[in-house]
Structure formats: structure tokens, C-alpha cells
């Protein structure tokens, strides 16, 4: 009876470990697929946004940005004309 109980517990523990291992690998694979699908969706969204807007700037060098900030203080001046109705 003791032999049966030890074997039963050993097999149960082994099956538990195997099930845990396979569930982890399947969940990791599923999470990776979801992550890739999300990235693909973001790429498609960005591609659509770029084609509609025309020019899209991803990066502005710091030197250029600092030079622009020095030149313009208090905002940009925009010339306008009043329209009377």
C-alpha cells in the first residue's frame, strides 16, 4: 500500500510538472503572437496616418531644435489681414 501511494504521488507530481511546462510554453507563444499582432496593427495605423498627413517628422536633431528656440522668443509672428463681413 505504501509503495502504491509513493508511486501515485510521484506520477502525480511528474504530470503536474509536465502540464505546468506545456502551459507556460503555450502561454508564452500566445503572448508573443498577441504582441506581434499589436505591433503590426500599430505599423498599419502609422502607415495610414503618414499617407494622409503628407510629411511626417520622426526625429528633430537637438542642435536644430536649440537653434530654433533661440531664434523665436515668445512665439511665432503671423501676418494676417482682417476680413470685414
PDB file of N, CA and C in Angstrom:
ATOM      1  N   UNK A   1       0.815  -1.190   0.000  1.00  0.00           N
ATOM      2  CA  UNK A   1       0.000   0.000   0.000  1.00  0.00           C
ATOM      3  C   UNK A   1       0.867   1.267   0.000  1.00  0.00           C
ATOM      4  N   UNK A   2       1.951   1.256   0.773  1.00  0.00           N
ATOM      5  CA  UNK A   2       2.854   2.391   0.838  1.00  0.00           C
ATOM      6  C   UNK A   2       3.538   2.606  -0.514  1.00  0.00           C
ATOM      7  N   UNK A   3       3.908   1.489  -1.160  1.00  0.00           N
ATOM      8  CA  UNK A   3       4.538   1.560  -2.478  1.00  0.00           C
ATOM      9  C   UNK A   3       3.591   2.234  -3.481  1.00  0.00           C
ATOM     10  N   UNK A   4       2.330   1.846  -3.459  1.00  0.00           N
ATOM     11  CA  UNK A   4       1.327   2.398  -4.365  1.00  0.00           C
ATOM     12  C   UNK A   4       1.165   3.904  -4.134  1.00  0.00           C
ATOM     13  N   UNK A   5       1.125   4.316  -2.882  1.00  0.00           N
ATOM     14  CA  UNK A   5       0.966   5.720  -2.538  1.00  0.00           C
ATOM     15  C   UNK A   5       2.163   6.551  -3.009  1.00  0.00           C
ATOM     16  N   UNK A   6       3.368   6.051  -2.841  1.00  0.00           N
ATOM     17  CA  UNK A   6       4.582   6.754  -3.283  1.00  0.00           C
ATOM     18  C   UNK A   6       4.610   6.867  -4.802  1.00  0.00           C
ATOM     19  N   UNK A   7       4.286   5.770  -5.490  1.00  0.00           N
ATOM     20  CA  UNK A   7       4.262   5.803  -6.962  1.00  0.00           C
ATOM     21  C   UNK A   7       3.180   6.764  -7.447  1.00  0.00           C
ATOM     22  N   UNK A   8       2.001   6.695  -6.822  1.00  0.00           N
ATOM     23  CA  UNK A   8       0.894   7.569  -7.207  1.00  0.00           C
ATOM     24  C   UNK A   8       1.273   9.043  -7.029  1.00  0.00           C
ATOM     25  N   UNK A   9       1.873   9.397  -5.913  1.00  0.00           N
ATOM     26  CA  UNK A   9       2.304  10.775  -5.670  1.00  0.00           C
ATOM     27  C   UNK A   9       3.413  11.198  -6.633  1.00  0.00           C
ATOM     28  N   UNK A  10       4.346  10.294  -6.921  1.00  0.00           N
ATOM     29  CA  UNK A  10       5.432  10.598  -7.860  1.00  0.00           C
ATOM     30  C   UNK A  10       4.908  10.855  -9.259  1.00  0.00           C
ATOM     31  N   UNK A  11       3.993  10.000  -9.720  1.00  0.00           N
ATOM     32  CA  UNK A  11       3.411  10.185 -11.058  1.00  0.00           C
ATOM     33  C   UNK A  11       2.578  11.463 -11.093  1.00  0.00           C
ATOM     34  N   UNK A  12       1.832  11.731 -10.032  1.00  0.00           N
ATOM     35  CA  UNK A  12       1.037  12.960  -9.972  1.00  0.00           C
ATOM     36  C   UNK A  12       1.918  14.196 -10.009  1.00  0.00           C
ATOM     37  N   UNK A  13       2.992  14.178  -9.263  1.00  0.00           N
ATOM     38  CA  UNK A  13       3.910  15.312  -9.259  1.00  0.00           C
ATOM     39  C   UNK A  13       4.534  15.507 -10.644  1.00  0.00           C
ATOM     40  N   UNK A  14       4.951  14.392 -11.269  1.00  0.00           N
ATOM     41  CA  UNK A  14       5.561  14.446 -12.601  1.00  0.00           C
ATOM     42  C   UNK A  14       4.571  14.999 -13.630  1.00  0.00           C
ATOM     43  N   UNK A  15       3.341  14.520 -13.590  1.00  0.00           N
ATOM     44  CA  UNK A  15       2.331  15.038 -14.527  1.00  0.00           C
ATOM     45  C   UNK A  15       2.068  16.529 -14.277  1.00  0.00           C
ATOM     46  N   UNK A  16       2.034  16.915 -13.024  1.00  0.00           N
ATOM     47  CA  UNK A  16       1.848  18.335 -12.708  1.00  0.00           C
ATOM     48  C   UNK A  16       2.954  19.187 -13.280  1.00  0.00           C
ATOM     49  N   UNK A  17       4.187  18.737 -13.165  1.00  0.00           N
ATOM     50  CA  UNK A  17       5.326  19.473 -13.713  1.00  0.00           C
ATOM     51  C   UNK A  17       5.240  19.573 -15.243  1.00  0.00           C
ATOM     52  N   UNK A  18       4.885  18.460 -15.880  1.00  0.00           N
ATOM     53  CA  UNK A  18       4.768  18.461 -17.347  1.00  0.00           C
ATOM     54  C   UNK A  18       3.653  19.387 -17.811  1.00  0.00           C
ATOM     55  N   UNK A  19       2.520  19.331 -17.143  1.00  0.00           N
ATOM     56  CA  UNK A  19       1.410  20.209 -17.517  1.00  0.00           C
ATOM     57  C   UNK A  19       1.803  21.665 -17.325  1.00  0.00           C
ATOM     58  N   UNK A  20       2.451  21.983 -16.227  1.00  0.00           N
ATOM     59  CA  UNK A  20       2.897  23.346 -15.961  1.00  0.00           C
ATOM     60  C   UNK A  20       3.863  23.823 -17.052  1.00  0.00           C
ATOM     61  N   UNK A  21       4.785  22.964 -17.465  1.00  0.00           N
ATOM     62  CA  UNK A  21       5.765  23.309 -18.501  1.00  0.00           C
ATOM     63  C   UNK A  21       5.064  23.605 -19.826  1.00  0.00           C
ATOM     64  N   UNK A  22       4.146  22.724 -20.237  1.00  0.00           N
ATOM     65  CA  UNK A  22       3.466  22.927 -21.517  1.00  0.00           C
ATOM     66  C   UNK A  22       2.554  24.143 -21.482  1.00  0.00           C
ATOM     67  N   UNK A  23       1.903  24.390 -20.353  1.00  0.00           N
ATOM     68  CA  UNK A  23       1.064  25.583 -20.263  1.00  0.00           C
ATOM     69  C   UNK A  23       1.902  26.856 -20.353  1.00  0.00           C
ATOM     70  N   UNK A  24       3.052  26.875 -19.712  1.00  0.00           N
ATOM     71  CA  UNK A  24       3.931  28.056 -19.791  1.00  0.00           C
ATOM     72  C   UNK A  24       4.373  28.313 -21.220  1.00  0.00           C
ATOM     73  N   UNK A  25       4.789  27.250 -21.915  1.00  0.00           N
ATOM     74  CA  UNK A  25       5.259  27.456 -23.288  1.00  0.00           C
ATOM     75  C   UNK A  25       4.121  27.915 -24.191  1.00  0.00           C
ATOM     76  N   UNK A  26       2.941  27.334 -24.022  1.00  0.00           N
ATOM     77  CA  UNK A  26       1.803  27.739 -24.852  1.00  0.00           C
ATOM     78  C   UNK A  26       1.391  29.174 -24.539  1.00  0.00           C
ATOM     79  N   UNK A  27       1.369  29.548 -23.268  1.00  0.00           N
ATOM     80  CA  UNK A  27       1.006  30.917 -22.906  1.00  0.00           C
ATOM     81  C   UNK A  27       2.052  31.913 -23.401  1.00  0.00           C
ATOM     82  N   UNK A  28       3.316  31.540 -23.337  1.00  0.00           N
ATOM     83  CA  UNK A  28       4.371  32.428 -23.836  1.00  0.00           C
ATOM     84  C   UNK A  28       4.236  32.619 -25.344  1.00  0.00           C
ATOM     85  N   UNK A  29       3.943  31.547 -26.051  1.00  0.00           N
ATOM     86  CA  UNK A  29       3.765  31.639 -27.506  1.00  0.00           C
ATOM     87  C   UNK A  29       2.553  32.499 -27.836  1.00  0.00           C
ATOM     88  N   UNK A  30       1.467  32.311 -27.082  1.00  0.00           N
ATOM     89  CA  UNK A  30       0.258  33.102 -27.297  1.00  0.00           C
ATOM     90  C   UNK A  30       0.525  34.583 -27.032  1.00  0.00           C
ATOM     91  N   UNK A  31       1.232  34.880 -25.958  1.00  0.00           N
ATOM     92  CA  UNK A  31       1.560  36.275 -25.634  1.00  0.00           C
ATOM     93  C   UNK A  31       2.424  36.896 -26.726  1.00  0.00           C
ATOM     94  N   UNK A  32       3.345  36.131 -27.272  1.00  0.00           N
ATOM     95  CA  UNK A  32       4.197  36.627 -28.350  1.00  0.00           C
ATOM     96  C   UNK A  32       3.366  36.920 -29.594  1.00  0.00           C
ATOM     97  N   UNK A  33       2.422  36.051 -29.922  1.00  0.00           N
ATOM     98  CA  UNK A  33       1.572  36.274 -31.088  1.00  0.00           C
ATOM     99  C   UNK A  33       0.706  37.518 -30.908  1.00  0.00           C
ATOM    100  N   UNK A  34       0.173  37.701 -29.711  1.00  0.00           N
ATOM    101  CA  UNK A  34      -0.641  38.883 -29.437  1.00  0.00           C
ATOM    102  C   UNK A  34       0.212  40.139 -29.565  1.00  0.00           C
ATOM    103  N   UNK A  35       1.434  40.088 -29.054  1.00  0.00           N
ATOM    104  CA  UNK A  35       2.346  41.228 -29.120  1.00  0.00           C
ATOM    105  C   UNK A  35       2.689  41.563 -30.574  1.00  0.00           C
ATOM    106  N   UNK A  36       2.957  40.551 -31.384  1.00  0.00           N
ATOM    107  CA  UNK A  36       3.273  40.782 -32.793  1.00  0.00           C
ATOM    108  C   UNK A  36       2.070  41.353 -33.533  1.00  0.00           C
ATOM    109  N   UNK A  37       0.876  40.865 -33.225  1.00  0.00           N
ATOM    110  CA  UNK A  37      -0.328  41.383 -33.870  1.00  0.00           C
ATOM    111  C   UNK A  37      -0.544  42.848 -33.502  1.00  0.00           C
ATOM    112  N   UNK A  38      -0.276  43.198 -32.250  1.00  0.00           N
ATOM    113  CA  UNK A  38      -0.419  44.583 -31.815  1.00  0.00           C
ATOM    114  C   UNK A  38       0.588  45.477 -32.529  1.00  0.00           C
ATOM    115  N   UNK A  39       1.831  45.009 -32.654  1.00  0.00           N
ATOM    116  CA  UNK A  39       2.843  45.795 -33.362  1.00  0.00           C
ATOM    117  C   UNK A  39       2.457  45.990 -34.825  1.00  0.00           C
ATOM    118  N   UNK A  40       1.949  44.947 -35.450  1.00  0.00           N
ATOM    119  CA  UNK A  40       1.527  45.039 -36.855  1.00  0.00           C
ATOM    120  C   UNK A  40       0.381  46.029 -37.000  1.00  0.00           C
ATOM    121  N   UNK A  41      -0.546  46.012 -36.062  1.00  0.00           N
ATOM    122  CA  UNK A  41      -1.658  46.939 -36.100  1.00  0.00           C
ATOM    123  C   UNK A  41      -1.163  48.378 -35.935  1.00  0.00           C
ATOM    124  N   UNK A  42      -0.199  48.585 -35.043  1.00  0.00           N
ATOM    125  CA  UNK A  42       0.360  49.934 -34.853  1.00  0.00           C
ATOM    126  C   UNK A  42       1.081  50.401 -36.116  1.00  0.00           C
ATOM    127  N   UNK A  43       1.831  49.498 -36.756  1.00  0.00           N
ATOM    128  CA  UNK A  43       2.524  49.854 -38.001  1.00  0.00           C
ATOM    129  C   UNK A  43       1.525  50.263 -39.071  1.00  0.00           C
ATOM    130  N   UNK A  44       0.445  49.494 -39.201  1.00  0.00           N
ATOM    131  CA  UNK A  44      -0.570  49.803 -40.208  1.00  0.00           C
ATOM    132  C   UNK A  44      -1.227  51.148 -39.901  1.00  0.00           C
ATOM    133  N   UNK A  45      -1.499  51.398 -38.641  1.00  0.00           N
ATOM    134  CA  UNK A  45      -2.114  52.673 -38.248  1.00  0.00           C
ATOM    135  C   UNK A  45      -1.179  53.839 -38.552  1.00  0.00           C
ATOM    136  N   UNK A  46       0.104  53.683 -38.230  1.00  0.00           N
ATOM    137  CA  UNK A  46       1.067  54.744 -38.502  1.00  0.00           C
ATOM    138  C   UNK A  46       1.231  54.963 -40.001  1.00  0.00           C
ATOM    139  N   UNK A  47       1.203  53.882 -40.761  1.00  0.00           N
ATOM    140  CA  UNK A  47       1.344  53.997 -42.216  1.00  0.00           C
ATOM    141  C   UNK A  47       0.159  54.765 -42.793  1.00  0.00           C
ATOM    142  N   UNK A  48      -1.045  54.472 -42.299  1.00  0.00           N
ATOM    143  CA  UNK A  48      -2.225  55.201 -42.767  1.00  0.00           C
ATOM    144  C   UNK A  48      -2.151  56.671 -42.374  1.00  0.00           C
ATOM    145  N   UNK A  49      -1.694  56.942 -41.172  1.00  0.00           N
ATOM    146  CA  UNK A  49      -1.594  58.324 -40.715  1.00  0.00           C
ATOM    147  C   UNK A  49      -0.563  59.087 -41.544  1.00  0.00           C
ATOM    148  N   UNK A  50       0.523  58.458 -41.884  1.00  0.00           N
ATOM    149  CA  UNK A  50       1.560  59.128 -42.675  1.00  0.00           C
ATOM    150  C   UNK A  50       1.054  59.445 -44.078  1.00  0.00           C
ATOM    151  N   UNK A  51       0.361  58.516 -44.698  1.00  0.00           N
ATOM    152  CA  UNK A  51      -0.078  58.751 -46.063  1.00  0.00           C
ATOM    153  C   UNK A  51      -1.134  59.861 -46.119  1.00  0.00           C
ATOM    154  N   UNK A  52      -1.949  60.022 -45.077  1.00  0.00           N
ATOM    155  CA  UNK A  52      -2.971  61.059 -45.075  1.00  0.00           C
ATOM    156  C   UNK A  52      -2.383  62.432 -44.788  1.00  0.00           C
ATOM    157  N   UNK A  53      -1.470  62.515 -43.852  1.00  0.00           N
ATOM    158  CA  UNK A  53      -0.934  63.801 -43.420  1.00  0.00           C
ATOM    159  C   UNK A  53       0.119  64.362 -44.362  1.00  0.00           C
ATOM    160  N   UNK A  54       0.759  63.535 -45.139  1.00  0.00           N
ATOM    161  CA  UNK A  54       1.805  64.008 -46.024  1.00  0.00           C
ATOM    162  C   UNK A  54       3.163  63.824 -45.389  1.00  0.00           C
ATOM    163  N   UNK A  55       3.742  64.901 -44.864  1.00  0.00           N
ATOM    164  CA  UNK A  55       5.081  64.858 -44.296  1.00  0.00           C
ATOM    165  C   UNK A  55       4.999  64.486 -42.821  1.00  0.00           C
ATOM    166  N   UNK A  56       5.846  63.560 -42.413  1.00  0.00           N
ATOM    167  CA  UNK A  56       5.884  63.127 -41.019  1.00  0.00           C
ATOM    168  C   UNK A  56       7.335  63.142 -40.561  1.00  0.00           C
ATOM    169  N   UNK A  57       7.638  63.900 -39.495  1.00  0.00           N
ATOM    170  CA  UNK A  57       8.997  64.012 -38.984  1.00  0.00           C
ATOM    171  C   UNK A  57       9.116  63.147 -37.742  1.00  0.00           C
ATOM    172  N   UNK A  58       9.998  62.141 -37.804  1.00  0.00           N
ATOM    173  CA  UNK A  58      10.208  61.256 -36.665  1.00  0.00           C
ATOM    174  C   UNK A  58      11.250  61.799 -35.704  1.00  0.00           C
ATOM    175  N   UNK A  59      12.211  62.572 -36.210  1.00  0.00           N
ATOM    176  CA  UNK A  59      13.344  62.971 -35.392  1.00  0.00           C
ATOM    177  C   UNK A  59      13.773  64.384 -35.768  1.00  0.00           C
ATOM    178  N   UNK A  60      13.939  65.225 -34.768  1.00  0.00           N
ATOM    179  CA  UNK A  60      14.484  66.569 -34.972  1.00  0.00           C
ATOM    180  C   UNK A  60      15.777  66.635 -34.173  1.00  0.00           C
ATOM    181  N   UNK A  61      16.922  66.895 -34.838  1.00  0.00           N
ATOM    182  CA  UNK A  61      18.195  66.959 -34.107  1.00  0.00           C
ATOM    183  C   UNK A  61      18.147  68.031 -33.021  1.00  0.00           C
ATOM    184  N   UNK A  62      18.823  67.765 -31.904  1.00  0.00           N
ATOM    185  CA  UNK A  62      18.809  68.691 -30.770  1.00  0.00           C
ATOM    186  C   UNK A  62      19.419  70.031 -31.138  1.00  0.00           C
ATOM    187  N   UNK A  63      20.469  70.026 -31.971  1.00  0.00           N
ATOM    188  CA  UNK A  63      21.127  71.273 -32.354  1.00  0.00           C
ATOM    189  C   UNK A  63      20.149  72.178 -33.093  1.00  0.00           C
ATOM    190  N   UNK A  64      19.393  71.596 -34.007  1.00  0.00           N
ATOM    191  CA  UNK A  64      18.430  72.378 -34.780  1.00  0.00           C
ATOM    192  C   UNK A  64      17.320  72.902 -33.873  1.00  0.00           C
ATOM    193  N   UNK A  65      16.872  72.071 -32.968  1.00  0.00           N
ATOM    194  CA  UNK A  65      15.800  72.458 -32.067  1.00  0.00           C
ATOM    195  C   UNK A  65      16.257  73.582 -31.135  1.00  0.00           C
ATOM    196  N   UNK A  66      17.489  73.508 -30.625  1.00  0.00           N
ATOM    197  CA  UNK A  66      18.011  74.554 -29.751  1.00  0.00           C
ATOM    198  C   UNK A  66      18.173  75.870 -30.513  1.00  0.00           C
ATOM    199  N   UNK A  67      18.632  75.781 -31.765  1.00  0.00           N
ATOM    200  CA  UNK A  67      18.805  76.977 -32.588  1.00  0.00           C
ATOM    201  C   UNK A  67      17.444  77.630 -32.840  1.00  0.00           C
ATOM    202  N   UNK A  68      16.425  76.816 -33.102  1.00  0.00           N
ATOM    203  CA  UNK A  68      15.085  77.338 -33.343  1.00  0.00           C
ATOM    204  C   UNK A  68      14.536  78.018 -32.096  1.00  0.00           C
ATOM    205  N   UNK A  69      14.794  77.435 -30.936  1.00  0.00           N
ATOM    206  CA  UNK A  69      14.299  78.014 -29.686  1.00  0.00           C
ATOM    207  C   UNK A  69      14.964  79.347 -29.400  1.00  0.00           C
ATOM    208  N   UNK A  70      16.227  79.528 -29.772  1.00  0.00           N
ATOM    209  CA  UNK A  70      16.935  80.783 -29.550  1.00  0.00           C
ATOM    210  C   UNK A  70      16.409  81.874 -30.476  1.00  0.00           C
ATOM    211  N   UNK A  71      16.097  81.510 -31.733  1.00  0.00           N
ATOM    212  CA  UNK A  71      15.640  82.490 -32.712  1.00  0.00           C
ATOM    213  C   UNK A  71      14.255  83.026 -32.378  1.00  0.00           C
ATOM    214  N   UNK A  72      13.382  82.197 -31.915  1.00  0.00           N
ATOM    215  CA  UNK A  72      11.993  82.590 -31.701  1.00  0.00           C
ATOM    216  C   UNK A  72      11.731  82.662 -30.198  1.00  0.00           C
ATOM    217  N   UNK A  73      11.441  83.873 -29.754  1.00  0.00           N
ATOM    218  CA  UNK A  73      11.107  84.040 -28.348  1.00  0.00           C
ATOM    219  C   UNK A  73       9.701  84.613 -28.267  1.00  0.00           C
ATOM    220  N   UNK A  74       8.857  83.985 -27.485  1.00  0.00           N
ATOM    221  CA  UNK A  74       7.501  84.484 -27.317  1.00  0.00           C
ATOM    222  C   UNK A  74       6.564  84.046 -28.412  1.00  0.00           C
ATOM    223  N   UNK A  75       6.959  83.088 -29.214  1.00  0.00           N
ATOM    224  CA  UNK A  75       6.065  82.572 -30.246  1.00  0.00           C
ATOM    225  C   UNK A  75       6.416  83.097 -31.624  1.00  0.00           C
ATOM    226  N   UNK A  76       5.723  82.595 -32.603  1.00  0.00           N
ATOM    227  CA  UNK A  76       5.961  82.988 -33.987  1.00  0.00           C
ATOM    228  C   UNK A  76       5.040  84.138 -34.361  1.00  0.00           C
ATOM    229  N   UNK A  77       5.539  85.042 -35.161  1.00  0.00           N
ATOM    230  CA  UNK A  77       4.722  86.144 -35.655  1.00  0.00           C
ATOM    231  C   UNK A  77       4.051  85.703 -36.954  1.00  0.00           C
ATOM    232  N   UNK A  78       2.736  85.862 -36.996  1.00  0.00           N
ATOM    233  CA  UNK A  78       1.983  85.501 -38.200  1.00  0.00           C
ATOM    234  C   UNK A  78       1.280  86.752 -38.704  1.00  0.00           C
ATOM    235  N   UNK A  79       1.590  87.139 -39.928  1.00  0.00           N
ATOM    236  CA  UNK A  79       0.961  88.297 -40.540  1.00  0.00           C
ATOM    237  C   UNK A  79      -0.444  87.910 -40.990  1.00  0.00           C
ATOM    238  N   UNK A  80      -1.389  88.779 -40.747  1.00  0.00           N
ATOM    239  CA  UNK A  80      -2.759  88.458 -41.128  1.00  0.00           C
ATOM    240  C   UNK A  80      -3.462  89.720 -41.594  1.00  0.00           C
ATOM    241  N   UNK A  81      -4.570  89.524 -42.267  1.00  0.00           N
ATOM    242  CA  UNK A  81      -5.421  90.632 -42.687  1.00  0.00           C
ATOM    243  C   UNK A  81      -6.784  90.422 -42.087  1.00  0.00           C
ATOM    244  N   UNK A  82      -7.405  91.530 -41.655  1.00  0.00           N
ATOM    245  CA  UNK A  82      -8.760  91.413 -41.115  1.00  0.00           C
ATOM    246  C   UNK A  82      -9.737  91.342 -42.270  1.00  0.00           C
ATOM    247  N   UNK A  83     -10.726  90.493 -42.100  1.00  0.00           N
ATOM    248  CA  UNK A  83     -11.769  90.358 -43.115  1.00  0.00           C
ATOM    249  C   UNK A  83     -13.034  90.935 -42.537  1.00  0.00           C
ATOM    250  N   UNK A  84     -13.602  91.941 -43.252  1.00  0.00           N
ATOM    251  CA  UNK A  84     -14.844  92.558 -42.786  1.00  0.00           C
ATOM    252  C   UNK A  84     -16.009  91.910 -43.520  1.00  0.00           C
ATOM    253  N   UNK A  85     -17.010  91.625 -42.756  1.00  0.00           N
ATOM    254  CA  UNK A  85     -18.184  90.975 -43.364  1.00  0.00           C
ATOM    255  C   UNK A  85     -19.219  91.960 -43.785  1.00  0.00           C
TER     256      UNK A  85
END
